[in-house]
PDB file of N, CA and C in Angstrom:
ATOM      1  N   MET A   1     123.133  56.858 -78.012  1.00  0.00           N
ATOM      2  CA  MET A   1     124.912  57.284 -77.986  1.00  0.00           C
ATOM      3  C   MET A   1     125.733  58.293 -78.269  1.00  0.00           C
ATOM      4  N   LYS A   2     126.445  58.812 -78.391  1.00  0.00           N
ATOM      5  CA  LYS A   2     126.885  59.523 -78.966  1.00  0.00           C
ATOM      6  C   LYS A   2     129.004  59.344 -79.444  1.00  0.00           C
ATOM      7  N   PRO A   3     128.727  59.595 -80.692  1.00  0.00           N
ATOM      8  CA  PRO A   3     129.639  59.157 -81.254  1.00  0.00           C
ATOM      9  C   PRO A   3     131.243  60.271 -81.222  1.00  0.00           C
ATOM     10  N   VAL A   4     132.088  60.192 -80.934  1.00  0.00           N
ATOM     11  CA  VAL A   4     133.309  61.097 -80.648  1.00  0.00           C
ATOM     12  C   VAL A   4     134.736  60.148 -81.436  1.00  0.00           C
ATOM     13  N   PHE A   5     135.361  60.901 -81.896  1.00  0.00           N
ATOM     14  CA  PHE A   5     136.591  61.209 -82.572  1.00  0.00           C
ATOM     15  C   PHE A   5     138.191  60.621 -82.094  1.00  0.00           C
ATOM     16  N   LEU A   6     138.684  59.987 -81.124  1.00  0.00           N
ATOM     17  CA  LEU A   6     140.073  60.538 -80.226  1.00  0.00           C
ATOM     18  C   LEU A   6     140.694  60.061 -80.917  1.00  0.00           C
ATOM     19  N   GLN A   7     141.981  61.304 -80.987  1.00  0.00           N
ATOM     20  CA  GLN A   7     143.513  61.088 -81.101  1.00  0.00           C
ATOM     21  C   GLN A   7     144.422  60.353 -80.277  1.00  0.00           C
ATOM     22  N   LEU A   8     144.877  60.061 -80.392  1.00  0.00           N
ATOM     23  CA  LEU A   8     146.273  59.373 -78.950  1.00  0.00           C
ATOM     24  C   LEU A   8     147.411  59.781 -79.843  1.00  0.00           C
ATOM     25  N   GLN A   9     148.937  60.460 -79.218  1.00  0.00           N
ATOM     26  CA  GLN A   9     149.540  60.546 -79.322  1.00  0.00           C
ATOM     27  C   GLN A   9     150.488  59.931 -78.481  1.00  0.00           C
ATOM     28  N   CYS A  10     151.046  58.502 -78.768  1.00  0.00           N
ATOM     29  CA  CYS A  10     151.684  57.671 -77.531  1.00  0.00           C
ATOM     30  C   CYS A  10     153.728  58.047 -77.237  1.00  0.00           C
ATOM     31  N   PHE A  11     153.570  57.495 -76.415  1.00  0.00           N
ATOM     32  CA  PHE A  11     155.433  57.555 -75.664  1.00  0.00           C
ATOM     33  C   PHE A  11     155.734  56.892 -76.556  1.00  0.00           C
ATOM     34  N   PRO A  12     156.931  57.154 -77.348  1.00  0.00           N
ATOM     35  CA  PRO A  12     157.628  55.736 -78.220  1.00  0.00           C
ATOM     36  C   PRO A  12     157.805  54.985 -77.640  1.00  0.00           C
ATOM     37  N   GLY A  13     157.453  53.805 -78.162  1.00  0.00           N
ATOM     38  CA  GLY A  13     157.120  52.480 -78.536  1.00  0.00           C
ATOM     39  C   GLY A  13     156.057  51.960 -77.344  1.00  0.00           C
ATOM     40  N   LYS A  14     155.388  52.608 -77.381  1.00  0.00           N
ATOM     41  CA  LYS A  14     153.930  52.292 -76.436  1.00  0.00           C
ATOM     42  C   LYS A  14     153.020  51.788 -76.910  1.00  0.00           C
ATOM     43  N   THR A  15     153.023  52.806 -78.823  1.00  0.00           N
ATOM     44  CA  THR A  15     151.228  52.383 -79.566  1.00  0.00           C
ATOM     45  C   THR A  15     150.626  51.711 -79.979  1.00  0.00           C
ATOM     46  N   TYR A  16     151.695  50.113 -79.585  1.00  0.00           N
ATOM     47  CA  TYR A  16     150.036  48.898 -79.235  1.00  0.00           C
ATOM     48  C   TYR A  16     150.200  48.047 -77.975  1.00  0.00           C
ATOM     49  N   GLU A  17     150.870  48.826 -77.269  1.00  0.00           N
ATOM     50  CA  GLU A  17     150.649  48.330 -75.809  1.00  0.00           C
ATOM     51  C   GLU A  17     149.063  49.530 -75.602  1.00  0.00           C
ATOM     52  N   VAL A  18     149.446  50.354 -76.211  1.00  0.00           N
ATOM     53  CA  VAL A  18     147.693  51.880 -75.794  1.00  0.00           C
ATOM     54  C   VAL A  18     146.658  50.933 -76.128  1.00  0.00           C
ATOM     55  N   ALA A  19     147.395  49.843 -78.215  1.00  0.00           N
ATOM     56  CA  ALA A  19     146.076  49.899 -78.505  1.00  0.00           C
ATOM     57  C   ALA A  19     145.536  48.320 -78.056  1.00  0.00           C
ATOM     58  N   ALA A  20     146.298  47.666 -77.106  1.00  0.00           N
ATOM     59  CA  ALA A  20     145.770  46.663 -77.078  1.00  0.00           C
ATOM     60  C   ALA A  20     144.985  46.470 -75.349  1.00  0.00           C
ATOM     61  N   ALA A  21     145.149  47.461 -75.235  1.00  0.00           N
ATOM     62  CA  ALA A  21     145.027  48.271 -73.656  1.00  0.00           C
ATOM     63  C   ALA A  21     143.236  48.511 -73.673  1.00  0.00           C
ATOM     64  N   LEU A  22     142.772  49.551 -74.825  1.00  0.00           N
ATOM     65  CA  LEU A  22     141.766  49.757 -75.841  1.00  0.00           C
ATOM     66  C   LEU A  22     141.177  48.524 -75.885  1.00  0.00           C
ATOM     67  N   PHE A  23     141.239  47.900 -76.907  1.00  0.00           N
ATOM     68  CA  PHE A  23     140.657  46.907 -77.272  1.00  0.00           C
ATOM     69  C   PHE A  23     140.773  45.884 -76.093  1.00  0.00           C
ATOM     70  N   GLU A  24     141.141  45.955 -74.688  1.00  0.00           N
ATOM     71  CA  GLU A  24     140.682  44.468 -74.071  1.00  0.00           C
ATOM     72  C   GLU A  24     139.604  45.492 -72.638  1.00  0.00           C
ATOM     73  N   ARG A  25     139.863  46.843 -73.198  1.00  0.00           N
ATOM     74  CA  ARG A  25     138.171  47.304 -72.361  1.00  0.00           C
ATOM     75  C   ARG A  25     136.759  47.735 -73.323  1.00  0.00           C
ATOM     76  N   GLU A  26     137.564  47.075 -74.443  1.00  0.00           N
ATOM     77  CA  GLU A  26     135.786  47.281 -75.324  1.00  0.00           C
ATOM     78  C   GLU A  26     135.108  48.304 -75.632  1.00  0.00           C
ATOM     79  N   ILE A  27     135.895  49.126 -75.599  1.00  0.00           N
ATOM     80  CA  ILE A  27     135.232  50.610 -75.812  1.00  0.00           C
ATOM     81  C   ILE A  27     135.578  50.972 -76.818  1.00  0.00           C
ATOM     82  N   VAL A  28     136.195  50.064 -77.759  1.00  0.00           N
ATOM     83  CA  VAL A  28     136.605  51.364 -79.258  1.00  0.00           C
ATOM     84  C   VAL A  28     135.530  50.356 -80.417  1.00  0.00           C
ATOM     85  N   SER A  29     135.268  51.637 -81.084  1.00  0.00           N
ATOM     86  CA  SER A  29     134.422  51.419 -82.513  1.00  0.00           C
ATOM     87  C   SER A  29     134.866  50.945 -83.544  1.00  0.00           C
ATOM     88  N   GLU A  30     136.273  51.624 -83.559  1.00  0.00           N
ATOM     89  CA  GLU A  30     136.734  51.553 -84.710  1.00  0.00           C
ATOM     90  C   GLU A  30     138.288  52.367 -84.131  1.00  0.00           C
ATOM     91  N   LEU A  31     138.954  52.011 -84.698  1.00  0.00           N
ATOM     92  CA  LEU A  31     140.667  51.806 -84.076  1.00  0.00           C
ATOM     93  C   LEU A  31     141.947  51.883 -85.377  1.00  0.00           C
ATOM     94  N   TYR A  32     142.612  52.871 -85.579  1.00  0.00           N
ATOM     95  CA  TYR A  32     143.346  53.476 -86.512  1.00  0.00           C
ATOM     96  C   TYR A  32     144.561  53.427 -86.531  1.00  0.00           C
ATOM     97  N   SER A  33     145.263  53.017 -86.906  1.00  0.00           N
ATOM     98  CA  SER A  33     147.399  53.785 -86.092  1.00  0.00           C
ATOM     99  C   SER A  33     147.080  54.723 -87.725  1.00  0.00           C
ATOM    100  N   THR A  34     147.793  55.866 -87.601  1.00  0.00           N
ATOM    101  CA  THR A  34     147.490  57.157 -87.836  1.00  0.00           C
ATOM    102  C   THR A  34     149.302  57.915 -87.971  1.00  0.00           C
ATOM    103  N   SER A  35     149.479  58.304 -88.972  1.00  0.00           N
ATOM    104  CA  SER A  35     150.255  59.425 -89.493  1.00  0.00           C
ATOM    105  C   SER A  35     150.946  60.602 -89.257  1.00  0.00           C
ATOM    106  N   GLY A  36     151.555  61.342 -88.536  1.00  0.00           N
ATOM    107  CA  GLY A  36     151.664  62.419 -88.400  1.00  0.00           C
ATOM    108  C   GLY A  36     151.584  63.001 -86.547  1.00  0.00           C
ATOM    109  N   ASP A  37     151.220  63.818 -86.011  1.00  0.00           N
ATOM    110  CA  ASP A  37     151.425  64.145 -84.730  1.00  0.00           C
ATOM    111  C   ASP A  37     150.596  63.021 -84.158  1.00  0.00           C
ATOM    112  N   TYR A  38     149.320  62.472 -84.126  1.00  0.00           N
ATOM    113  CA  TYR A  38     149.418  61.727 -83.324  1.00  0.00           C
ATOM    114  C   TYR A  38     149.041  60.036 -84.065  1.00  0.00           C
ATOM    115  N   ASP A  39     148.909  58.974 -83.083  1.00  0.00           N
ATOM    116  CA  ASP A  39     149.309  57.743 -83.498  1.00  0.00           C
ATOM    117  C   ASP A  39     147.847  56.915 -83.574  1.00  0.00           C
ATOM    118  N   LEU A  40     147.063  57.167 -83.603  1.00  0.00           N
ATOM    119  CA  LEU A  40     146.027  56.451 -83.035  1.00  0.00           C
ATOM    120  C   LEU A  40     144.808  57.323 -82.863  1.00  0.00           C
ATOM    121  N   LEU A  41     144.016  56.664 -83.552  1.00  0.00           N
ATOM    122  CA  LEU A  41     143.212  56.918 -84.390  1.00  0.00           C
ATOM    123  C   LEU A  41     141.364  56.676 -83.554  1.00  0.00           C
ATOM    124  N   MET A  42     140.836  56.558 -82.761  1.00  0.00           N
ATOM    125  CA  MET A  42     139.485  55.954 -82.242  1.00  0.00           C
ATOM    126  C   MET A  42     138.259  56.527 -82.732  1.00  0.00           C
ATOM    127  N   LYS A  43     137.692  55.693 -82.404  1.00  0.00           N
ATOM    128  CA  LYS A  43     136.100  56.426 -83.072  1.00  0.00           C
ATOM    129  C   LYS A  43     134.652  54.838 -81.668  1.00  0.00           C
ATOM    130  N   ILE A  44     134.512  56.267 -81.069  1.00  0.00           N
ATOM    131  CA  ILE A  44     134.098  55.710 -78.885  1.00  0.00           C
ATOM    132  C   ILE A  44     132.819  55.863 -79.346  1.00  0.00           C
ATOM    133  N   TYR A  45     131.845  55.405 -78.950  1.00  0.00           N
ATOM    134  CA  TYR A  45     130.548  56.139 -78.334  1.00  0.00           C
ATOM    135  C   TYR A  45     130.172  56.061 -77.070  1.00  0.00           C
ATOM    136  N   ILE A  46     129.753  56.985 -76.562  1.00  0.00           N
ATOM    137  CA  ILE A  46     129.965  57.302 -75.067  1.00  0.00           C
ATOM    138  C   ILE A  46     127.957  57.920 -75.240  1.00  0.00           C
ATOM    139  N   PRO A  47     127.583  57.044 -74.156  1.00  0.00           N
ATOM    140  CA  PRO A  47     126.255  56.719 -73.928  1.00  0.00           C
ATOM    141  C   PRO A  47     125.601  58.272 -73.227  1.00  0.00           C
ATOM    142  N   GLU A  48     124.613  58.492 -73.993  1.00  0.00           N
ATOM    143  CA  GLU A  48     123.911  59.699 -73.505  1.00  0.00           C
ATOM    144  C   GLU A  48     123.700  60.599 -72.354  1.00  0.00           C
ATOM    145  N   ASP A  49     123.884  59.418 -71.505  1.00  0.00           N
ATOM    146  CA  ASP A  49     124.019  59.469 -69.822  1.00  0.00           C
ATOM    147  C   ASP A  49     124.977  60.551 -69.175  1.00  0.00           C
ATOM    148  N   GLN A  50     126.725  59.970 -70.531  1.00  0.00           N
ATOM    149  CA  GLN A  50     127.763  59.948 -69.702  1.00  0.00           C
ATOM    150  C   GLN A  50     127.797  61.710 -69.947  1.00  0.00           C
ATOM    151  N   ASP A  51     128.840  61.732 -69.286  1.00  0.00           N
ATOM    152  CA  ASP A  51     129.671  62.975 -69.129  1.00  0.00           C
ATOM    153  C   ASP A  51     131.072  63.459 -70.249  1.00  0.00           C
ATOM    154  N   ILE A  52     131.003  63.328 -71.240  1.00  0.00           N
ATOM    155  CA  ILE A  52     132.401  63.217 -72.330  1.00  0.00           C
ATOM    156  C   ILE A  52     134.150  62.858 -71.409  1.00  0.00           C
ATOM    157  N   GLY A  53     133.693  64.125 -70.902  1.00  0.00           N
ATOM    158  CA  GLY A  53     135.237  64.146 -70.580  1.00  0.00           C
ATOM    159  C   GLY A  53     135.537  63.700 -69.585  1.00  0.00           C
ATOM    160  N   LYS A  54     134.692  62.525 -68.887  1.00  0.00           N
ATOM    161  CA  LYS A  54     134.868  61.838 -67.590  1.00  0.00           C
ATOM    162  C   LYS A  54     134.894  60.309 -67.728  1.00  0.00           C
ATOM    163  N   PHE A  55     134.263  60.567 -68.960  1.00  0.00           N
ATOM    164  CA  PHE A  55     133.647  59.062 -70.070  1.00  0.00           C
ATOM    165  C   PHE A  55     135.036  59.084 -70.337  1.00  0.00           C
ATOM    166  N   ILE A  56     135.751  59.501 -70.839  1.00  0.00           N
ATOM    167  CA  ILE A  56     137.420  59.505 -71.483  1.00  0.00           C
ATOM    168  C   ILE A  56     138.038  59.887 -70.842  1.00  0.00           C
ATOM    169  N   ASN A  57     138.371  60.534 -69.985  1.00  0.00           N
ATOM    170  CA  ASN A  57     139.347  60.267 -69.002  1.00  0.00           C
ATOM    171  C   ASN A  57     138.986  59.082 -67.611  1.00  0.00           C
ATOM    172  N   ASP A  58     138.457  58.756 -67.546  1.00  0.00           N
ATOM    173  CA  ASP A  58     138.049  56.910 -67.201  1.00  0.00           C
ATOM    174  C   ASP A  58     138.400  55.754 -67.077  1.00  0.00           C
ATOM    175  N   ASN A  59     138.244  56.572 -68.850  1.00  0.00           N
ATOM    176  CA  ASN A  59     138.180  54.831 -69.426  1.00  0.00           C
ATOM    177  C   ASN A  59     139.173  54.439 -70.620  1.00  0.00           C
ATOM    178  N   VAL A  60     140.148  56.170 -70.924  1.00  0.00           N
ATOM    179  CA  VAL A  60     140.847  56.767 -71.487  1.00  0.00           C
ATOM    180  C   VAL A  60     142.145  56.735 -71.222  1.00  0.00           C
ATOM    181  N   LEU A  61     142.521  57.689 -70.846  1.00  0.00           N
ATOM    182  CA  LEU A  61     143.180  58.269 -69.965  1.00  0.00           C
ATOM    183  C   LEU A  61     143.906  58.213 -69.902  1.00  0.00           C
ATOM    184  N   ASP A  62     143.500  56.556 -68.486  1.00  0.00           N
ATOM    185  CA  ASP A  62     144.249  56.355 -67.939  1.00  0.00           C
ATOM    186  C   ASP A  62     145.301  55.291 -67.933  1.00  0.00           C
ATOM    187  N   ILE A  63     145.424  55.247 -69.590  1.00  0.00           N
ATOM    188  CA  ILE A  63     145.608  53.934 -70.212  1.00  0.00           C
ATOM    189  C   ILE A  63     147.841  54.552 -69.888  1.00  0.00           C
ATOM    190  N   GLN A  64     148.770  53.538 -69.580  1.00  0.00           N
ATOM    191  CA  GLN A  64     149.992  54.275 -69.239  1.00  0.00           C
ATOM    192  C   GLN A  64     149.948  53.877 -71.210  1.00  0.00           C
ATOM    193  N   GLY A  65     150.846  55.478 -71.209  1.00  0.00           N
ATOM    194  CA  GLY A  65     151.758  55.264 -72.891  1.00  0.00           C
ATOM    195  C   GLY A  65     151.358  56.251 -72.954  1.00  0.00           C
ATOM    196  N   ILE A  66     149.706  57.344 -72.969  1.00  0.00           N
ATOM    197  CA  ILE A  66     149.177  57.830 -74.234  1.00  0.00           C
ATOM    198  C   ILE A  66     150.117  59.576 -73.190  1.00  0.00           C
ATOM    199  N   ALA A  67     150.855  59.928 -74.215  1.00  0.00           N
ATOM    200  CA  ALA A  67     151.269  61.608 -74.127  1.00  0.00           C
ATOM    201  C   ALA A  67     150.308  63.056 -74.399  1.00  0.00           C
ATOM    202  N   ARG A  68     148.724  62.383 -75.047  1.00  0.00           N
ATOM    203  CA  ARG A  68     148.109  63.493 -75.465  1.00  0.00           C
ATOM    204  C   ARG A  68     147.028  62.972 -76.143  1.00  0.00           C
ATOM    205  N   SER A  69     146.263  63.479 -75.959  1.00  0.00           N
ATOM    206  CA  SER A  69     144.977  63.580 -76.496  1.00  0.00           C
ATOM    207  C   SER A  69     144.655  64.559 -77.543  1.00  0.00           C
ATOM    208  N   LEU A  70     144.082  64.323 -78.442  1.00  0.00           N
ATOM    209  CA  LEU A  70     142.507  65.608 -79.097  1.00  0.00           C
ATOM    210  C   LEU A  70     141.353  65.100 -79.351  1.00  0.00           C
ATOM    211  N   SER A  71     140.412  65.109 -79.069  1.00  0.00           N
ATOM    212  CA  SER A  71     139.475  64.959 -79.039  1.00  0.00           C
ATOM    213  C   SER A  71     138.173  65.746 -80.261  1.00  0.00           C
ATOM    214  N   THR A  72     137.340  65.386 -80.604  1.00  0.00           N
ATOM    215  CA  THR A  72     137.079  65.513 -81.828  1.00  0.00           C
ATOM    216  C   THR A  72     135.487  65.412 -81.614  1.00  0.00           C
ATOM    217  N   MET A  73     133.877  66.542 -81.609  1.00  0.00           N
ATOM    218  CA  MET A  73     133.129  65.682 -80.844  1.00  0.00           C
ATOM    219  C   MET A  73     132.371  65.810 -82.578  1.00  0.00           C
ATOM    220  N   THR A  74     131.398  65.317 -83.010  1.00  0.00           N
ATOM    221  CA  THR A  74     130.273  64.878 -83.960  1.00  0.00           C
ATOM    222  C   THR A  74     128.951  65.347 -82.998  1.00  0.00           C
ATOM    223  N   PHE A  75     128.372  66.284 -84.735  1.00  0.00           N
ATOM    224  CA  PHE A  75     126.889  66.657 -84.677  1.00  0.00           C
ATOM    225  C   PHE A  75     125.832  66.250 -85.666  1.00  0.00           C
ATOM    226  N   THR A  76     124.595  65.780 -85.609  1.00  0.00           N
ATOM    227  CA  THR A  76     124.051  65.667 -86.593  1.00  0.00           C
ATOM    228  C   THR A  76     124.123  66.911 -87.859  1.00  0.00           C
ATOM    229  N   ALA A  77     124.333  67.010 -89.042  1.00  0.00           N
ATOM    230  CA  ALA A  77     123.852  68.559 -89.753  1.00  0.00           C
ATOM    231  C   ALA A  77     122.972  67.536 -90.628  1.00  0.00           C
ATOM    232  N   PHE A  78     122.750  66.880 -90.949  1.00  0.00           N
ATOM    233  CA  PHE A  78     121.225  66.473 -91.528  1.00  0.00           C
ATOM    234  C   PHE A  78     120.135  65.863 -91.790  1.00  0.00           C
TER     235      PHE A  78
END
């Protein structure tokens, strides 16, 4: 499994709805509300055999209320 951090900017008033939809899909390892340009920070694990962009597009970005996203890939450094 590949860990990926994803920040989501939601349309005004939609953050709680987006968070609820993410939990319903049971794909989130961790989910936090944040301050700044993005409203939510999530950690997801993507199966090794899955295309990361397609997985995120098909399982996260189709949720109503998401305005923008920022993906951060992780690498084993040690």
